[in-house]
Amino acid sequence: MMEGEPIKFRILELFNEKEWWLQDIVPVIQKEYNMAGDYGRGVVTYDITELVSAGFLSEEESKIDTEGKFWKDHLIHRYKMTALGKDMYQEIVHRVSK
């Protein structure tokens, strides 16, 4: 539904469906928005960080990426949508569907 809309709208849509680990959601967004490589990974990670800062997502768990699945020896997080995020997502869906 939100494919082709601004990246943050699509990120909220994906989080509305389930919780995500950073290393699992970033490649999905990178593929959909043709943002391959380290730069694209950084942009998507930054967008998710902004959604956390705005209170739309919350950090549920974190761990060090010792296996290098996403960013070796760096902290990775599992996030979920907050009640505020769900409200914002519903407002976005309402506006986009008009």
N, C-alpha and C. Protein backbone atom coordinates (compact mmCIF):
# COMPACT_ATOMS: atom_id res chain seq x y z
N MET A 1 0.82 -1.20 0.00
CA MET A 1 0.00 0.00 0.00
C MET A 1 0.86 1.27 0.00
N MET A 2 1.88 1.30 0.85
CA MET A 2 2.72 2.50 0.95
C MET A 2 3.93 2.43 0.02
N GLU A 3 4.06 1.35 -0.75
CA GLU A 3 5.20 1.26 -1.66
C GLU A 3 5.15 2.43 -2.63
N GLY A 4 6.27 3.10 -2.80
CA GLY A 4 6.34 4.27 -3.66
C GLY A 4 6.08 5.58 -2.93
N GLU A 5 5.57 5.50 -1.72
CA GLU A 5 5.37 6.69 -0.89
C GLU A 5 6.69 7.01 -0.19
N PRO A 6 6.76 8.12 0.55
CA PRO A 6 8.00 8.43 1.27
C PRO A 6 8.46 7.26 2.15
N ILE A 7 9.76 7.10 2.25
CA ILE A 7 10.35 5.97 2.95
C ILE A 7 9.81 5.82 4.37
N LYS A 8 9.70 6.90 5.09
CA LYS A 8 9.24 6.79 6.48
C LYS A 8 7.81 6.28 6.56
N PHE A 9 6.97 6.59 5.58
CA PHE A 9 5.61 6.05 5.55
C PHE A 9 5.68 4.53 5.41
N ARG A 10 6.53 4.06 4.50
CA ARG A 10 6.67 2.61 4.27
C ARG A 10 7.25 1.93 5.50
N ILE A 11 8.20 2.56 6.15
CA ILE A 11 8.77 1.97 7.37
C ILE A 11 7.68 1.81 8.43
N LEU A 12 6.87 2.83 8.61
CA LEU A 12 5.78 2.71 9.58
C LEU A 12 4.81 1.60 9.20
N GLU A 13 4.54 1.47 7.91
CA GLU A 13 3.64 0.40 7.46
C GLU A 13 4.20 -0.98 7.83
N LEU A 14 5.49 -1.17 7.60
CA LEU A 14 6.11 -2.45 7.93
C LEU A 14 6.10 -2.71 9.43
N PHE A 15 6.34 -1.68 10.23
CA PHE A 15 6.30 -1.85 11.68
C PHE A 15 4.88 -2.03 12.19
N ASN A 16 3.90 -1.57 11.46
CA ASN A 16 2.51 -1.80 11.85
C ASN A 16 2.18 -3.29 11.77
N GLU A 17 2.89 -4.02 10.92
CA GLU A 17 2.65 -5.44 10.73
C GLU A 17 3.32 -6.31 11.80
N LYS A 18 4.52 -5.90 12.26
CA LYS A 18 5.26 -6.69 13.24
C LYS A 18 6.46 -5.92 13.76
N GLU A 19 7.13 -6.49 14.76
CA GLU A 19 8.40 -5.94 15.26
C GLU A 19 9.49 -6.38 14.30
N TRP A 20 10.55 -5.56 14.21
CA TRP A 20 11.66 -5.87 13.29
C TRP A 20 12.99 -5.63 13.98
N TRP A 21 13.95 -6.50 13.67
CA TRP A 21 15.35 -6.22 13.97
C TRP A 21 15.86 -5.32 12.86
N LEU A 22 16.75 -4.42 13.19
CA LEU A 22 17.30 -3.47 12.22
C LEU A 22 17.86 -4.19 11.00
N GLN A 23 18.61 -5.26 11.23
CA GLN A 23 19.25 -5.95 10.12
C GLN A 23 18.26 -6.66 9.21
N ASP A 24 17.02 -6.83 9.64
CA ASP A 24 16.00 -7.48 8.81
C ASP A 24 15.18 -6.49 8.00
N ILE A 25 14.89 -5.33 8.57
CA ILE A 25 14.04 -4.37 7.86
C ILE A 25 14.83 -3.52 6.87
N VAL A 26 16.06 -3.18 7.20
CA VAL A 26 16.84 -2.29 6.32
C VAL A 26 16.98 -2.86 4.91
N PRO A 27 17.33 -4.15 4.73
CA PRO A 27 17.43 -4.67 3.36
C PRO A 27 16.11 -4.64 2.59
N VAL A 28 14.99 -4.80 3.29
CA VAL A 28 13.68 -4.73 2.63
C VAL A 28 13.47 -3.34 2.04
N ILE A 29 13.73 -2.32 2.84
CA ILE A 29 13.56 -0.93 2.38
C ILE A 29 14.58 -0.62 1.28
N GLN A 30 15.82 -1.04 1.47
CA GLN A 30 16.85 -0.79 0.45
C GLN A 30 16.43 -1.36 -0.90
N LYS A 31 15.90 -2.56 -0.91
CA LYS A 31 15.49 -3.19 -2.16
C LYS A 31 14.31 -2.44 -2.79
N GLU A 32 13.30 -2.12 -1.98
CA GLU A 32 12.10 -1.45 -2.50
C GLU A 32 12.40 -0.06 -3.06
N TYR A 33 13.35 0.64 -2.45
CA TYR A 33 13.65 2.01 -2.84
C TYR A 33 14.96 2.13 -3.63
N ASN A 34 15.50 1.00 -4.07
CA ASN A 34 16.71 0.97 -4.89
C ASN A 34 17.84 1.76 -4.23
N MET A 35 18.16 1.40 -2.99
CA MET A 35 19.16 2.11 -2.20
C MET A 35 20.26 1.16 -1.74
N ALA A 36 20.86 0.46 -2.69
CA ALA A 36 21.88 -0.53 -2.36
C ALA A 36 23.12 0.12 -1.76
N GLY A 37 23.90 -0.67 -1.07
CA GLY A 37 25.20 -0.22 -0.56
C GLY A 37 25.15 0.37 0.83
N ASP A 38 26.35 0.72 1.29
CA ASP A 38 26.50 1.26 2.65
C ASP A 38 25.77 2.58 2.82
N TYR A 39 25.79 3.43 1.79
CA TYR A 39 25.11 4.72 1.90
C TYR A 39 23.60 4.51 2.10
N GLY A 40 23.01 3.66 1.30
CA GLY A 40 21.58 3.36 1.43
C GLY A 40 21.26 2.77 2.79
N ARG A 41 22.13 1.87 3.27
CA ARG A 41 21.93 1.29 4.60
C ARG A 41 21.94 2.38 5.66
N GLY A 42 22.86 3.32 5.53
CA GLY A 42 22.95 4.41 6.49
C GLY A 42 21.73 5.32 6.46
N VAL A 43 21.23 5.60 5.27
CA VAL A 43 20.05 6.46 5.14
C VAL A 43 18.84 5.82 5.79
N VAL A 44 18.61 4.54 5.51
CA VAL A 44 17.46 3.84 6.09
C VAL A 44 17.60 3.74 7.60
N THR A 45 18.80 3.42 8.07
CA THR A 45 19.04 3.35 9.52
C THR A 45 18.77 4.70 10.18
N TYR A 46 19.18 5.78 9.53
CA TYR A 46 18.94 7.12 10.06
C TYR A 46 17.44 7.43 10.11
N ASP A 47 16.70 7.05 9.07
CA ASP A 47 15.26 7.27 9.07
C ASP A 47 14.58 6.53 10.22
N ILE A 48 15.02 5.32 10.48
CA ILE A 48 14.46 4.56 11.60
C ILE A 48 14.81 5.24 12.92
N THR A 49 16.04 5.72 13.03
CA THR A 49 16.45 6.45 14.25
C THR A 49 15.58 7.68 14.46
N GLU A 50 15.26 8.40 13.39
CA GLU A 50 14.38 9.57 13.51
C GLU A 50 12.98 9.18 13.97
N LEU A 51 12.47 8.04 13.49
CA LEU A 51 11.15 7.58 13.92
C LEU A 51 11.16 7.19 15.40
N VAL A 52 12.29 6.67 15.87
CA VAL A 52 12.43 6.38 17.30
C VAL A 52 12.46 7.69 18.08
N SER A 53 13.22 8.66 17.59
CA SER A 53 13.34 9.96 18.27
C SER A 53 12.00 10.68 18.34
N ALA A 54 11.16 10.49 17.32
CA ALA A 54 9.84 11.12 17.30
C ALA A 54 8.84 10.40 18.19
N GLY A 55 9.20 9.23 18.69
CA GLY A 55 8.31 8.48 19.57
C GLY A 55 7.38 7.52 18.83
N PHE A 56 7.60 7.33 17.52
CA PHE A 56 6.74 6.44 16.74
C PHE A 56 7.17 4.98 16.84
N LEU A 57 8.44 4.75 17.14
CA LEU A 57 8.98 3.41 17.34
C LEU A 57 9.69 3.38 18.68
N SER A 58 9.75 2.19 19.28
CA SER A 58 10.51 2.06 20.53
C SER A 58 11.49 0.90 20.41
N GLU A 59 12.61 1.06 21.07
CA GLU A 59 13.63 0.02 21.09
C GLU A 59 13.22 -1.02 22.12
N GLU A 60 13.17 -2.26 21.70
CA GLU A 60 12.74 -3.34 22.58
C GLU A 60 13.89 -4.20 23.07
N GLU A 61 14.92 -4.33 22.26
CA GLU A 61 16.05 -5.18 22.60
C GLU A 61 17.25 -4.71 21.78
N SER A 62 18.43 -4.97 22.29
CA SER A 62 19.63 -4.64 21.52
C SER A 62 20.69 -5.69 21.79
N LYS A 63 21.61 -5.82 20.83
CA LYS A 63 22.71 -6.75 20.96
C LYS A 63 23.84 -6.31 20.04
N ILE A 64 25.02 -6.83 20.29
CA ILE A 64 26.17 -6.57 19.44
C ILE A 64 26.13 -7.56 18.27
N ASP A 65 26.32 -7.06 17.08
CA ASP A 65 26.33 -7.90 15.88
C ASP A 65 27.69 -8.58 15.76
N THR A 66 27.90 -9.62 16.55
CA THR A 66 29.18 -10.33 16.56
C THR A 66 29.40 -11.16 15.31
N GLU A 67 28.31 -11.55 14.64
CA GLU A 67 28.42 -12.39 13.44
C GLU A 67 28.59 -11.57 12.16
N GLY A 68 28.37 -10.27 12.22
CA GLY A 68 28.51 -9.44 11.04
C GLY A 68 27.37 -9.57 10.05
N LYS A 69 26.17 -9.91 10.53
CA LYS A 69 25.01 -10.03 9.65
C LYS A 69 24.57 -8.69 9.09
N PHE A 70 24.83 -7.62 9.85
CA PHE A 70 24.42 -6.28 9.42
C PHE A 70 25.58 -5.31 9.48
N TRP A 71 26.19 -5.20 10.68
CA TRP A 71 27.30 -4.26 10.88
C TRP A 71 28.16 -4.81 12.01
N LYS A 72 29.16 -5.57 11.64
CA LYS A 72 29.97 -6.33 12.60
C LYS A 72 30.47 -5.48 13.76
N ASP A 73 30.28 -6.04 14.95
CA ASP A 73 30.74 -5.45 16.22
C ASP A 73 30.05 -4.15 16.58
N HIS A 74 28.92 -3.86 15.96
CA HIS A 74 28.13 -2.68 16.31
C HIS A 74 26.82 -3.12 16.96
N LEU A 75 26.23 -2.20 17.67
CA LEU A 75 24.96 -2.45 18.35
C LEU A 75 23.83 -2.43 17.33
N ILE A 76 22.97 -3.44 17.38
CA ILE A 76 21.77 -3.49 16.55
C ILE A 76 20.56 -3.62 17.47
N HIS A 77 19.42 -3.19 16.98
CA HIS A 77 18.22 -3.10 17.83
C HIS A 77 17.04 -3.81 17.20
N ARG A 78 16.11 -4.20 18.07
CA ARG A 78 14.80 -4.66 17.65
C ARG A 78 13.82 -3.58 18.07
N TYR A 79 12.99 -3.16 17.14
CA TYR A 79 12.05 -2.07 17.38
C TYR A 79 10.61 -2.54 17.20
N LYS A 80 9.70 -1.82 17.85
CA LYS A 80 8.28 -2.03 17.60
C LYS A 80 7.59 -0.67 17.56
N MET A 81 6.41 -0.65 16.99
CA MET A 81 5.66 0.60 16.87
C MET A 81 4.99 0.93 18.21
N THR A 82 5.02 2.19 18.56
CA THR A 82 4.37 2.66 19.78
C THR A 82 2.90 3.02 19.47
N ALA A 83 2.14 3.31 20.51
CA ALA A 83 0.76 3.74 20.32
C ALA A 83 0.72 5.03 19.50
N LEU A 84 1.64 5.94 19.76
CA LEU A 84 1.73 7.18 18.98
C LEU A 84 2.03 6.87 17.52
N GLY A 85 2.92 5.93 17.28
CA GLY A 85 3.24 5.52 15.92
C GLY A 85 2.04 4.93 15.22
N LYS A 86 1.26 4.13 15.93
CA LYS A 86 0.04 3.54 15.33
C LYS A 86 -0.96 4.62 14.97
N ASP A 87 -1.10 5.61 15.86
CA ASP A 87 -2.01 6.73 15.56
C ASP A 87 -1.54 7.49 14.33
N MET A 88 -0.25 7.77 14.25
CA MET A 88 0.30 8.50 13.11
C MET A 88 0.14 7.69 11.83
N TYR A 89 0.39 6.39 11.91
CA TYR A 89 0.24 5.53 10.74
C TYR A 89 -1.20 5.57 10.24
N GLN A 90 -2.16 5.49 11.13
CA GLN A 90 -3.57 5.52 10.72
C GLN A 90 -3.91 6.86 10.06
N GLU A 91 -3.36 7.94 10.58
CA GLU A 91 -3.59 9.26 9.97
C GLU A 91 -2.97 9.31 8.56
N ILE A 92 -1.78 8.76 8.42
CA ILE A 92 -1.12 8.74 7.11
C ILE A 92 -1.94 7.92 6.12
N VAL A 93 -2.40 6.75 6.54
CA VAL A 93 -3.21 5.89 5.67
C VAL A 93 -4.45 6.62 5.23
N HIS A 94 -5.08 7.33 6.14
CA HIS A 94 -6.29 8.09 5.82
C HIS A 94 -6.00 9.17 4.77
N ARG A 95 -4.89 9.89 4.95
CA ARG A 95 -4.54 10.97 4.03
C ARG A 95 -4.09 10.45 2.66
N VAL A 96 -3.34 9.35 2.65
CA VAL A 96 -2.84 8.80 1.40
C VAL A 96 -3.98 8.20 0.57
N SER A 97 -4.97 7.64 1.25
CA SER A 97 -6.07 6.98 0.54
C SER A 97 -7.07 7.95 -0.06
N LYS A 98 -6.95 9.24 0.23
CA LYS A 98 -7.89 10.23 -0.32
C LYS A 98 -7.58 10.53 -1.76
